[in-house]
Amino acid sequence: MVNKLSRGCMVAALSLATFASWATKSCDELKSEIAAKLDAKGVKSYSLEAVGSDDVKDQKVVGSCDGGTKKIVYSRGAKPTPEAPAAAN
């Protein structure tokens, strides 16, 4: 029983440590790491954006950065670039 409890505590501590290390990273560094993982999995046409923690609406949060003040949100489909705005219907 104690052994199972110890393992559970260890897993929880490691999870918190991992989250804490992500939260203290710069947003650009974390976005690069997440993008590399997505690219390695063959994910195409996505965007990652750093937004204020209070500004997250219905988006999928994939990370936390800048000391937890910002969240990295993922969305499918490429964002239009300023030079090439999306075509209007």
PDB file of N, CA and C in Angstrom:
ATOM      1  N   MET A   1       0.829  -1.188   0.000  1.00  0.00           N
ATOM      2  CA  MET A   1       0.000   0.000   0.000  1.00  0.00           C
ATOM      3  C   MET A   1       0.870   1.246   0.000  1.00  0.00           C
ATOM      4  N   VAL A   2       1.868   1.272   0.869  1.00  0.00           N
ATOM      5  CA  VAL A   2       2.757   2.425   0.936  1.00  0.00           C
ATOM      6  C   VAL A   2       3.513   2.588  -0.375  1.00  0.00           C
ATOM      7  N   ASN A   3       3.921   1.475  -0.983  1.00  0.00           N
ATOM      8  CA  ASN A   3       4.647   1.533  -2.233  1.00  0.00           C
ATOM      9  C   ASN A   3       3.803   2.161  -3.336  1.00  0.00           C
ATOM     10  N   LYS A   4       2.531   1.785  -3.442  1.00  0.00           N
ATOM     11  CA  LYS A   4       1.633   2.367  -4.437  1.00  0.00           C
ATOM     12  C   LYS A   4       1.424   3.852  -4.178  1.00  0.00           C
ATOM     13  N   LEU A   5       1.292   4.228  -2.928  1.00  0.00           N
ATOM     14  CA  LEU A   5       1.108   5.626  -2.569  1.00  0.00           C
ATOM     15  C   LEU A   5       2.343   6.433  -2.927  1.00  0.00           C
ATOM     16  N   SER A   6       3.506   5.879  -2.667  1.00  0.00           N
ATOM     17  CA  SER A   6       4.755   6.564  -2.987  1.00  0.00           C
ATOM     18  C   SER A   6       4.888   6.784  -4.491  1.00  0.00           C
ATOM     19  N   ARG A   7       4.537   5.768  -5.278  1.00  0.00           N
ATOM     20  CA  ARG A   7       4.594   5.907  -6.738  1.00  0.00           C
ATOM     21  C   ARG A   7       3.642   6.982  -7.221  1.00  0.00           C
ATOM     22  N   GLY A   8       2.442   7.000  -6.661  1.00  0.00           N
ATOM     23  CA  GLY A   8       1.459   8.013  -7.050  1.00  0.00           C
ATOM     24  C   GLY A   8       1.951   9.413  -6.738  1.00  0.00           C
ATOM     25  N   CYS A   9       2.562   9.574  -5.584  1.00  0.00           N
ATOM     26  CA  CYS A   9       3.103  10.884  -5.201  1.00  0.00           C
ATOM     27  C   CYS A   9       4.248  11.281  -6.119  1.00  0.00           C
ATOM     28  N   MET A  10       5.082  10.303  -6.487  1.00  0.00           N
ATOM     29  CA  MET A  10       6.211  10.581  -7.369  1.00  0.00           C
ATOM     30  C   MET A  10       5.717  11.012  -8.746  1.00  0.00           C
ATOM     31  N   VAL A  11       4.723  10.321  -9.266  1.00  0.00           N
ATOM     32  CA  VAL A  11       4.168  10.675 -10.575  1.00  0.00           C
ATOM     33  C   VAL A  11       3.571  12.076 -10.531  1.00  0.00           C
ATOM     34  N   ALA A  12       2.840  12.377  -9.477  1.00  0.00           N
ATOM     35  CA  ALA A  12       2.248  13.707  -9.343  1.00  0.00           C
ATOM     36  C   ALA A  12       3.334  14.776  -9.251  1.00  0.00           C
ATOM     37  N   ALA A  13       4.379  14.519  -8.515  1.00  0.00           N
ATOM     38  CA  ALA A  13       5.469  15.485  -8.374  1.00  0.00           C
ATOM     39  C   ALA A  13       6.176  15.709  -9.704  1.00  0.00           C
ATOM     40  N   LEU A  14       6.413  14.638 -10.464  1.00  0.00           N
ATOM     41  CA  LEU A  14       7.060  14.778 -11.767  1.00  0.00           C
ATOM     42  C   LEU A  14       6.170  15.541 -12.735  1.00  0.00           C
ATOM     43  N   SER A  15       4.872  15.284 -12.677  1.00  0.00           N
ATOM     44  CA  SER A  15       3.942  16.005 -13.542  1.00  0.00           C
ATOM     45  C   SER A  15       3.954  17.493 -13.233  1.00  0.00           C
ATOM     46  N   LEU A  16       3.944  17.820 -11.969  1.00  0.00           N
ATOM     47  CA  LEU A  16       3.996  19.230 -11.570  1.00  0.00           C
ATOM     48  C   LEU A  16       5.314  19.869 -11.965  1.00  0.00           C
ATOM     49  N   ALA A  17       6.403  19.137 -11.819  1.00  0.00           N
ATOM     50  CA  ALA A  17       7.714  19.669 -12.194  1.00  0.00           C
ATOM     51  C   ALA A  17       7.771  19.929 -13.694  1.00  0.00           C
ATOM     52  N   THR A  18       7.206  19.016 -14.486  1.00  0.00           N
ATOM     53  CA  THR A  18       7.177  19.208 -15.931  1.00  0.00           C
ATOM     54  C   THR A  18       6.342  20.429 -16.285  1.00  0.00           C
ATOM     55  N   PHE A  19       5.169  20.555 -15.674  1.00  0.00           N
ATOM     56  CA  PHE A  19       4.321  21.717 -15.935  1.00  0.00           C
ATOM     57  C   PHE A  19       5.034  22.993 -15.529  1.00  0.00           C
ATOM     58  N   ALA A  20       5.694  22.984 -14.385  1.00  0.00           N
ATOM     59  CA  ALA A  20       6.387  24.176 -13.900  1.00  0.00           C
ATOM     60  C   ALA A  20       7.506  24.576 -14.850  1.00  0.00           C
ATOM     61  N   SER A  21       8.218  23.597 -15.411  1.00  0.00           N
ATOM     62  CA  SER A  21       9.291  23.947 -16.333  1.00  0.00           C
ATOM     63  C   SER A  21       8.727  24.538 -17.613  1.00  0.00           C
ATOM     64  N   TRP A  22       7.564  24.058 -18.077  1.00  0.00           N
ATOM     65  CA  TRP A  22       6.940  24.639 -19.260  1.00  0.00           C
ATOM     66  C   TRP A  22       6.458  26.046 -18.964  1.00  0.00           C
ATOM     67  N   ALA A  23       5.908  26.263 -17.785  1.00  0.00           N
ATOM     68  CA  ALA A  23       5.342  27.565 -17.445  1.00  0.00           C
ATOM     69  C   ALA A  23       6.409  28.639 -17.364  1.00  0.00           C
ATOM     70  N   THR A  24       7.649  28.269 -17.049  1.00  0.00           N
ATOM     71  CA  THR A  24       8.689  29.277 -16.918  1.00  0.00           C
ATOM     72  C   THR A  24       9.422  29.535 -18.224  1.00  0.00           C
ATOM     73  N   LYS A  25       9.175  28.766 -19.253  1.00  0.00           N
ATOM     74  CA  LYS A  25       9.836  28.966 -20.545  1.00  0.00           C
ATOM     75  C   LYS A  25       9.270  30.196 -21.242  1.00  0.00           C
ATOM     76  N   SER A  26      10.083  30.741 -22.136  1.00  0.00           N
ATOM     77  CA  SER A  26       9.578  31.835 -22.966  1.00  0.00           C
ATOM     78  C   SER A  26       8.580  31.249 -23.953  1.00  0.00           C
ATOM     79  N   CYS A  27       7.645  32.060 -24.379  1.00  0.00           N
ATOM     80  CA  CYS A  27       6.604  31.574 -25.296  1.00  0.00           C
ATOM     81  C   CYS A  27       7.205  31.150 -26.633  1.00  0.00           C
ATOM     82  N   ASP A  28       8.190  31.884 -27.130  1.00  0.00           N
ATOM     83  CA  ASP A  28       8.805  31.519 -28.410  1.00  0.00           C
ATOM     84  C   ASP A  28       9.505  30.169 -28.315  1.00  0.00           C
ATOM     85  N   GLU A  29      10.208  29.929 -27.213  1.00  0.00           N
ATOM     86  CA  GLU A  29      10.902  28.656 -27.016  1.00  0.00           C
ATOM     87  C   GLU A  29       9.901  27.496 -26.949  1.00  0.00           C
ATOM     88  N   LEU A  30       8.838  27.686 -26.188  1.00  0.00           N
ATOM     89  CA  LEU A  30       7.842  26.628 -26.045  1.00  0.00           C
ATOM     90  C   LEU A  30       7.101  26.377 -27.351  1.00  0.00           C
ATOM     91  N   LYS A  31       6.750  27.439 -28.076  1.00  0.00           N
ATOM     92  CA  LYS A  31       6.083  27.268 -29.364  1.00  0.00           C
ATOM     93  C   LYS A  31       6.957  26.478 -30.320  1.00  0.00           C
ATOM     94  N   SER A  32       8.268  26.740 -30.314  1.00  0.00           N
ATOM     95  CA  SER A  32       9.194  26.013 -31.182  1.00  0.00           C
ATOM     96  C   SER A  32       9.234  24.537 -30.828  1.00  0.00           C
ATOM     97  N   GLU A  33       9.256  24.229 -29.531  1.00  0.00           N
ATOM     98  CA  GLU A  33       9.284  22.834 -29.088  1.00  0.00           C
ATOM     99  C   GLU A  33       7.995  22.102 -29.467  1.00  0.00           C
ATOM    100  N   ILE A  34       6.866  22.760 -29.268  1.00  0.00           N
ATOM    101  CA  ILE A  34       5.578  22.138 -29.609  1.00  0.00           C
ATOM    102  C   ILE A  34       5.471  21.950 -31.115  1.00  0.00           C
ATOM    103  N   ALA A  35       5.892  22.956 -31.886  1.00  0.00           N
ATOM    104  CA  ALA A  35       5.849  22.861 -33.346  1.00  0.00           C
ATOM    105  C   ALA A  35       6.726  21.709 -33.836  1.00  0.00           C
ATOM    106  N   ALA A  36       7.887  21.527 -33.233  1.00  0.00           N
ATOM    107  CA  ALA A  36       8.778  20.429 -33.628  1.00  0.00           C
ATOM    108  C   ALA A  36       8.103  19.078 -33.380  1.00  0.00           C
ATOM    109  N   LYS A  37       7.406  18.950 -32.266  1.00  0.00           N
ATOM    110  CA  LYS A  37       6.708  17.688 -31.968  1.00  0.00           C
ATOM    111  C   LYS A  37       5.564  17.454 -32.950  1.00  0.00           C
ATOM    112  N   LEU A  38       4.812  18.499 -33.261  1.00  0.00           N
ATOM    113  CA  LEU A  38       3.708  18.360 -34.207  1.00  0.00           C
ATOM    114  C   LEU A  38       4.225  18.022 -35.603  1.00  0.00           C
ATOM    115  N   ASP A  39       5.304  18.696 -36.013  1.00  0.00           N
ATOM    116  CA  ASP A  39       5.896  18.424 -37.321  1.00  0.00           C
ATOM    117  C   ASP A  39       6.404  16.986 -37.401  1.00  0.00           C
ATOM    118  N   ALA A  40       7.020  16.505 -36.323  1.00  0.00           N
ATOM    119  CA  ALA A  40       7.540  15.140 -36.297  1.00  0.00           C
ATOM    120  C   ALA A  40       6.418  14.108 -36.420  1.00  0.00           C
ATOM    121  N   LYS A  41       5.228  14.477 -35.951  1.00  0.00           N
ATOM    122  CA  LYS A  41       4.078  13.574 -36.053  1.00  0.00           C
ATOM    123  C   LYS A  41       3.363  13.720 -37.391  1.00  0.00           C
ATOM    124  N   GLY A  42       3.843  14.632 -38.238  1.00  0.00           N
ATOM    125  CA  GLY A  42       3.243  14.806 -39.558  1.00  0.00           C
ATOM    126  C   GLY A  42       2.031  15.711 -39.574  1.00  0.00           C
ATOM    127  N   VAL A  43       1.824  16.479 -38.516  1.00  0.00           N
ATOM    128  CA  VAL A  43       0.672  17.388 -38.466  1.00  0.00           C
ATOM    129  C   VAL A  43       0.924  18.542 -39.434  1.00  0.00           C
ATOM    130  N   LYS A  44      -0.062  18.839 -40.257  1.00  0.00           N
ATOM    131  CA  LYS A  44       0.031  19.927 -41.247  1.00  0.00           C
ATOM    132  C   LYS A  44      -1.052  20.959 -40.968  1.00  0.00           C
ATOM    133  N   SER A  45      -0.853  22.151 -41.449  1.00  0.00           N
ATOM    134  CA  SER A  45      -1.843  23.235 -41.385  1.00  0.00           C
ATOM    135  C   SER A  45      -2.372  23.468 -39.973  1.00  0.00           C
ATOM    136  N   TYR A  46      -1.532  23.992 -39.123  1.00  0.00           N
ATOM    137  CA  TYR A  46      -1.928  24.340 -37.762  1.00  0.00           C
ATOM    138  C   TYR A  46      -1.299  25.672 -37.402  1.00  0.00           C
ATOM    139  N   SER A  47      -1.785  26.263 -36.353  1.00  0.00           N
ATOM    140  CA  SER A  47      -1.148  27.472 -35.842  1.00  0.00           C
ATOM    141  C   SER A  47      -1.052  27.377 -34.325  1.00  0.00           C
ATOM    142  N   LEU A  48       0.002  27.969 -33.805  1.00  0.00           N
ATOM    143  CA  LEU A  48       0.218  28.085 -32.371  1.00  0.00           C
ATOM    144  C   LEU A  48       0.318  29.561 -32.065  1.00  0.00           C
ATOM    145  N   GLU A  49      -0.393  29.979 -31.045  1.00  0.00           N
ATOM    146  CA  GLU A  49      -0.406  31.394 -30.709  1.00  0.00           C
ATOM    147  C   GLU A  49      -0.321  31.554 -29.197  1.00  0.00           C
ATOM    148  N   ALA A  50       0.495  32.508 -28.761  1.00  0.00           N
ATOM    149  CA  ALA A  50       0.587  32.820 -27.335  1.00  0.00           C
ATOM    150  C   ALA A  50      -0.439  33.903 -27.027  1.00  0.00           C
ATOM    151  N   VAL A  51      -1.318  33.628 -26.075  1.00  0.00           N
ATOM    152  CA  VAL A  51      -2.336  34.597 -25.671  1.00  0.00           C
ATOM    153  C   VAL A  51      -2.302  34.734 -24.153  1.00  0.00           C
ATOM    154  N   GLY A  52      -2.771  35.852 -23.667  1.00  0.00           N
ATOM    155  CA  GLY A  52      -2.854  36.051 -22.228  1.00  0.00           C
ATOM    156  C   GLY A  52      -3.752  34.992 -21.600  1.00  0.00           C
ATOM    157  N   SER A  53      -3.393  34.552 -20.417  1.00  0.00           N
ATOM    158  CA  SER A  53      -4.174  33.501 -19.749  1.00  0.00           C
ATOM    159  C   SER A  53      -5.642  33.882 -19.624  1.00  0.00           C
ATOM    160  N   ASP A  54      -5.919  35.149 -19.413  1.00  0.00           N
ATOM    161  CA  ASP A  54      -7.300  35.604 -19.265  1.00  0.00           C
ATOM    162  C   ASP A  54      -8.027  35.713 -20.604  1.00  0.00           C
ATOM    163  N   ASP A  55      -7.272  35.666 -21.710  1.00  0.00           N
ATOM    164  CA  ASP A  55      -7.866  35.833 -23.034  1.00  0.00           C
ATOM    165  C   ASP A  55      -8.236  34.509 -23.709  1.00  0.00           C
ATOM    166  N   VAL A  56      -7.956  33.386 -23.057  1.00  0.00           N
ATOM    167  CA  VAL A  56      -8.287  32.089 -23.633  1.00  0.00           C
ATOM    168  C   VAL A  56      -9.796  31.912 -23.599  1.00  0.00           C
ATOM    169  N   LYS A  57     -10.356  31.617 -24.758  1.00  0.00           N
ATOM    170  CA  LYS A  57     -11.807  31.425 -24.853  1.00  0.00           C
ATOM    171  C   LYS A  57     -12.101  29.943 -25.009  1.00  0.00           C
ATOM    172  N   ASP A  58     -12.453  29.551 -26.198  1.00  0.00           N
ATOM    173  CA  ASP A  58     -12.825  28.168 -26.489  1.00  0.00           C
ATOM    174  C   ASP A  58     -11.705  27.461 -27.243  1.00  0.00           C
ATOM    175  N   GLN A  59     -10.462  27.900 -27.039  1.00  0.00           N
ATOM    176  CA  GLN A  59      -9.329  27.354 -27.766  1.00  0.00           C
ATOM    177  C   GLN A  59      -8.719  26.165 -27.027  1.00  0.00           C
ATOM    178  N   LYS A  60      -7.962  25.366 -27.760  1.00  0.00           N
ATOM    179  CA  LYS A  60      -7.271  24.222 -27.163  1.00  0.00           C
ATOM    180  C   LYS A  60      -5.917  24.701 -26.646  1.00  0.00           C
ATOM    181  N   VAL A  61      -5.726  24.649 -25.347  1.00  0.00           N
ATOM    182  CA  VAL A  61      -4.471  25.075 -24.720  1.00  0.00           C
ATOM    183  C   VAL A  61      -3.508  23.898 -24.749  1.00  0.00           C
ATOM    184  N   VAL A  62      -2.293  24.133 -25.298  1.00  0.00           N
ATOM    185  CA  VAL A  62      -1.292  23.076 -25.392  1.00  0.00           C
ATOM    186  C   VAL A  62      -0.035  23.388 -24.577  1.00  0.00           C
ATOM    187  N   GLY A  63      -0.024  24.515 -23.884  1.00  0.00           N
ATOM    188  CA  GLY A  63       1.130  24.846 -23.056  1.00  0.00           C
ATOM    189  C   GLY A  63       0.928  26.151 -22.327  1.00  0.00           C
ATOM    190  N   SER A  64       1.795  26.391 -21.370  1.00  0.00           N
ATOM    191  CA  SER A  64       1.776  27.620 -20.583  1.00  0.00           C
ATOM    192  C   SER A  64       3.195  28.175 -20.573  1.00  0.00           C
ATOM    193  N   CYS A  65       3.326  29.493 -20.682  1.00  0.00           N
ATOM    194  CA  CYS A  65       4.659  30.086 -20.769  1.00  0.00           C
ATOM    195  C   CYS A  65       4.701  31.435 -20.051  1.00  0.00           C
ATOM    196  N   ASP A  66       5.880  32.024 -20.056  1.00  0.00           N
ATOM    197  CA  ASP A  66       6.104  33.316 -19.399  1.00  0.00           C
ATOM    198  C   ASP A  66       5.591  33.329 -17.969  1.00  0.00           C
ATOM    199  N   GLY A  67       5.985  32.313 -17.225  1.00  0.00           N
ATOM    200  CA  GLY A  67       5.611  32.240 -15.819  1.00  0.00           C
ATOM    201  C   GLY A  67       4.135  32.010 -15.579  1.00  0.00           C
ATOM    202  N   GLY A  68       3.461  31.418 -16.566  1.00  0.00           N
ATOM    203  CA  GLY A  68       2.037  31.120 -16.423  1.00  0.00           C
ATOM    204  C   GLY A  68       1.123  32.271 -16.795  1.00  0.00           C
ATOM    205  N   THR A  69       1.697  33.381 -17.254  1.00  0.00           N
ATOM    206  CA  THR A  69       0.873  34.535 -17.625  1.00  0.00           C
ATOM    207  C   THR A  69       0.267  34.388 -19.014  1.00  0.00           C
ATOM    208  N   LYS A  70       0.830  33.487 -19.817  1.00  0.00           N
ATOM    209  CA  LYS A  70       0.326  33.268 -21.175  1.00  0.00           C
ATOM    210  C   LYS A  70       0.123  31.789 -21.414  1.00  0.00           C
ATOM    211  N   LYS A  71      -0.756  31.483 -22.363  1.00  0.00           N
ATOM    212  CA  LYS A  71      -1.040  30.111 -22.771  1.00  0.00           C
ATOM    213  C   LYS A  71      -0.749  30.000 -24.265  1.00  0.00           C
ATOM    214  N   ILE A  72      -0.277  28.824 -24.666  1.00  0.00           N
ATOM    215  CA  ILE A  72      -0.097  28.530 -26.086  1.00  0.00           C
ATOM    216  C   ILE A  72      -1.362  27.807 -26.531  1.00  0.00           C
ATOM    217  N   VAL A  73      -2.042  28.375 -27.529  1.00  0.00           N
ATOM    218  CA  VAL A  73      -3.257  27.754 -28.037  1.00  0.00           C
ATOM    219  C   VAL A  73      -3.004  27.210 -29.434  1.00  0.00           C
ATOM    220  N   TYR A  74      -3.615  26.071 -29.706  1.00  0.00           N
ATOM    221  CA  TYR A  74      -3.472  25.355 -30.972  1.00  0.00           C
ATOM    222  C   TYR A  74      -4.764  25.481 -31.750  1.00  0.00           C
ATOM    223  N   SER A  75      -4.630  25.710 -33.048  1.00  0.00           N
ATOM    224  CA  SER A  75      -5.812  25.646 -33.902  1.00  0.00           C
ATOM    225  C   SER A  75      -5.424  24.991 -35.218  1.00  0.00           C
ATOM    226  N   ARG A  76      -6.379  24.260 -35.781  1.00  0.00           N
ATOM    227  CA  ARG A  76      -6.152  23.594 -37.055  1.00  0.00           C
ATOM    228  C   ARG A  76      -6.292  24.601 -38.171  1.00  0.00           C
ATOM    229  N   GLY A  77      -5.548  24.381 -39.231  1.00  0.00           N
ATOM    230  CA  GLY A  77      -5.583  25.283 -40.373  1.00  0.00           C
ATOM    231  C   GLY A  77      -4.574  26.399 -40.195  1.00  0.00           C
ATOM    232  N   ALA A  78      -3.947  26.768 -41.264  1.00  0.00           N
ATOM    233  CA  ALA A  78      -2.937  27.825 -41.206  1.00  0.00           C
ATOM    234  C   ALA A  78      -3.603  29.185 -41.100  1.00  0.00           C
ATOM    235  N   LYS A  79      -3.008  30.044 -40.324  1.00  0.00           N
ATOM    236  CA  LYS A  79      -3.508  31.411 -40.227  1.00  0.00           C
ATOM    237  C   LYS A  79      -3.077  32.178 -41.467  1.00  0.00           C
ATOM    238  N   PRO A  80      -3.930  33.051 -41.981  1.00  0.00           N
ATOM    239  CA  PRO A  80      -3.515  33.849 -43.136  1.00  0.00           C
ATOM    240  C   PRO A  80      -2.399  34.805 -42.712  1.00  0.00           C
ATOM    241  N   THR A  81      -1.438  34.999 -43.594  1.00  0.00           N
ATOM    242  CA  THR A  81      -0.347  35.924 -43.306  1.00  0.00           C
ATOM    243  C   THR A  81      -0.807  37.339 -43.609  1.00  0.00           C
ATOM    244  N   PRO A  82      -0.208  38.358 -43.009  1.00  0.00           N
ATOM    245  CA  PRO A  82      -0.614  39.741 -43.285  1.00  0.00           C
ATOM    246  C   PRO A  82      -0.478  40.100 -44.760  1.00  0.00           C
ATOM    247  N   GLU A  83       0.501  39.494 -45.463  1.00  0.00           N
ATOM    248  CA  GLU A  83       0.699  39.804 -46.884  1.00  0.00           C
ATOM    249  C   GLU A  83      -0.373  39.176 -47.751  1.00  0.00           C
ATOM    250  N   ALA A  84      -0.966  38.060 -47.287  1.00  0.00           N
ATOM    251  CA  ALA A  84      -1.953  37.350 -48.096  1.00  0.00           C
ATOM    252  C   ALA A  84      -3.209  37.102 -47.256  1.00  0.00           C
ATOM    253  N   PRO A  85      -4.062  38.126 -47.102  1.00  0.00           N
ATOM    254  CA  PRO A  85      -5.273  37.918 -46.284  1.00  0.00           C
ATOM    255  C   PRO A  85      -6.198  36.882 -46.900  1.00  0.00           C
ATOM    256  N   ALA A  86      -7.010  36.276 -46.055  1.00  0.00           N
ATOM    257  CA  ALA A  86      -7.951  35.258 -46.515  1.00  0.00           C
ATOM    258  C   ALA A  86      -8.933  35.879 -47.507  1.00  0.00           C
ATOM    259  N   ALA A  87      -9.300  35.119 -48.507  1.00  0.00           N
ATOM    260  CA  ALA A  87     -10.227  35.606 -49.527  1.00  0.00           C
ATOM    261  C   ALA A  87     -11.628  35.741 -48.925  1.00  0.00           C
ATOM    262  N   ALA A  88     -12.314  36.805 -49.299  1.00  0.00           N
ATOM    263  CA  ALA A  88     -13.685  37.020 -48.837  1.00  0.00           C
ATOM    264  C   ALA A  88     -14.653  36.280 -49.744  1.00  0.00           C
ATOM    265  N   ASN A  89     -15.744  35.825 -49.173  1.00  0.00           N
ATOM    266  CA  ASN A  89     -16.758  35.111 -49.969  1.00  0.00           C
ATOM    267  C   ASN A  89     -17.641  36.080 -50.680  1.00  0.00           C
TER     268      ASN A  89
END
